[in-house]
Protein backbone atom coordinates (compact mmCIF):
# COMPACT_ATOMS: atom_id res chain seq x y z
CA MET A 1 74.70 126.28 98.61
CA MET A 2 73.67 129.81 97.74
CA CYS A 3 69.98 130.67 97.64
CA HIS A 4 68.68 133.67 95.77
CA PHE A 5 65.27 135.14 96.53
CA SER A 6 63.38 138.01 95.01
CA SER A 7 62.95 141.15 97.09
CA SER A 8 59.23 140.44 97.50
CA THR A 9 59.98 136.93 98.82
CA LEU A 10 62.53 138.34 101.27
CA LYS A 11 60.00 140.95 102.39
CA LEU A 12 57.41 138.22 102.99
CA MET A 13 59.85 136.05 104.97
CA LYS A 14 61.01 139.05 107.01
CA SER A 15 57.42 139.94 107.93
CA TYR A 16 56.88 136.30 108.92
CA ILE A 17 59.93 136.15 111.22
CA PHE A 18 60.27 139.62 112.75
CA ASN A 19 57.99 141.72 114.97
CA ARG A 20 56.19 138.78 116.54
CA TYR A 21 54.92 138.73 120.10
CA GLN A 22 53.73 136.10 122.52
CA LEU A 23 52.03 135.84 125.87
CA VAL A 24 51.12 133.05 128.23
CA LYS A 25 47.56 132.62 129.44
CA ILE A 26 46.51 130.24 132.19
CA GLY A 27 42.86 130.38 133.06
CA ASP A 28 41.93 134.06 133.45
CA VAL A 29 45.51 135.22 134.10
CA GLN A 30 47.85 136.26 131.32
CA SER A 31 51.38 137.60 131.08
CA HIS A 32 52.48 140.79 129.39
CA LEU A 33 53.20 140.68 125.66
CA GLN A 34 56.85 139.90 124.98
CA ILE A 35 58.64 140.28 121.66
CA ILE A 36 60.06 137.07 120.18
CA LYS A 37 63.66 137.75 119.17
CA SER A 38 64.48 134.53 117.32
CA GLY A 39 63.00 131.44 115.72
CA VAL A 40 59.95 130.75 113.63
CA PRO A 41 56.44 129.89 114.82
CA GLN A 42 56.20 126.25 115.90
CA GLY A 43 53.69 124.24 113.93
CA SER A 44 53.83 126.73 111.07
CA ILE A 45 53.76 125.84 107.39
CA LEU A 46 56.96 127.75 106.59
CA GLY A 47 58.86 126.62 109.70
CA PRO A 48 60.33 123.39 108.27
CA MET A 49 61.36 125.07 105.02
CA LEU A 50 63.05 127.96 106.83
CA PHE A 51 64.85 125.51 109.11
CA LEU A 52 66.15 123.55 106.10
CA LEU A 53 67.38 126.75 104.47
CA TYR A 54 69.18 127.63 107.70
CA ILE A 55 70.78 124.22 108.31
CA ASN A 56 71.35 123.08 104.70
CA ASP A 57 74.97 124.19 104.36
CA ILE A 58 76.20 123.30 107.87
CA ALA A 59 78.28 120.40 106.49
CA SER A 60 80.30 122.82 104.35
CA PHE A 61 81.61 124.50 107.53
CA VAL A 62 82.93 121.26 109.04
CA ASP A 63 86.42 119.88 108.33
CA ASN A 64 86.56 117.26 105.54
CA THR A 65 87.73 114.56 107.98
CA SER A 66 84.67 114.98 110.19
CA ILE A 67 81.47 113.09 109.65
CA ILE A 68 78.26 115.00 110.22
CA ASP A 69 74.89 113.34 110.68
CA LEU A 70 71.78 115.40 110.04
CA TYR A 71 68.36 114.08 110.92
CA ALA A 72 65.28 116.28 111.24
CA ASP A 73 66.30 119.01 113.71
CA ASP A 74 69.26 117.14 115.18
CA SER A 75 72.90 117.23 114.09
CA THR A 76 75.96 115.34 115.32
CA VAL A 77 79.61 115.78 114.36
CA HIS A 78 81.89 112.76 114.72
CA GLU A 79 85.66 113.21 114.92
CA SER A 80 88.38 110.70 115.75
CA GLY A 81 92.13 110.70 115.97
CA TYR A 82 95.04 111.01 118.36
CA ASP A 83 94.85 114.81 118.65
CA VAL A 84 91.29 116.06 118.29
CA LYS A 85 91.15 119.85 118.12
């Protein structure tokens, strides 16, 4: 499946995903800010949609004889035969 987005939508999604930082704070002690290099914010509104866009075409990259199960954020590929490669 091919998705086409306008340049303004891509710009919005890019600003949502890139240049994010996190730190850990326990009581009065906190870590240094660290850049987040991958993923989307957990618990975010756009997170599930971005995940679905990412995972949606995974079945098209698996051999036709394989069975792929997709459920929420879990995927399983089943293969059987005498010579599984």
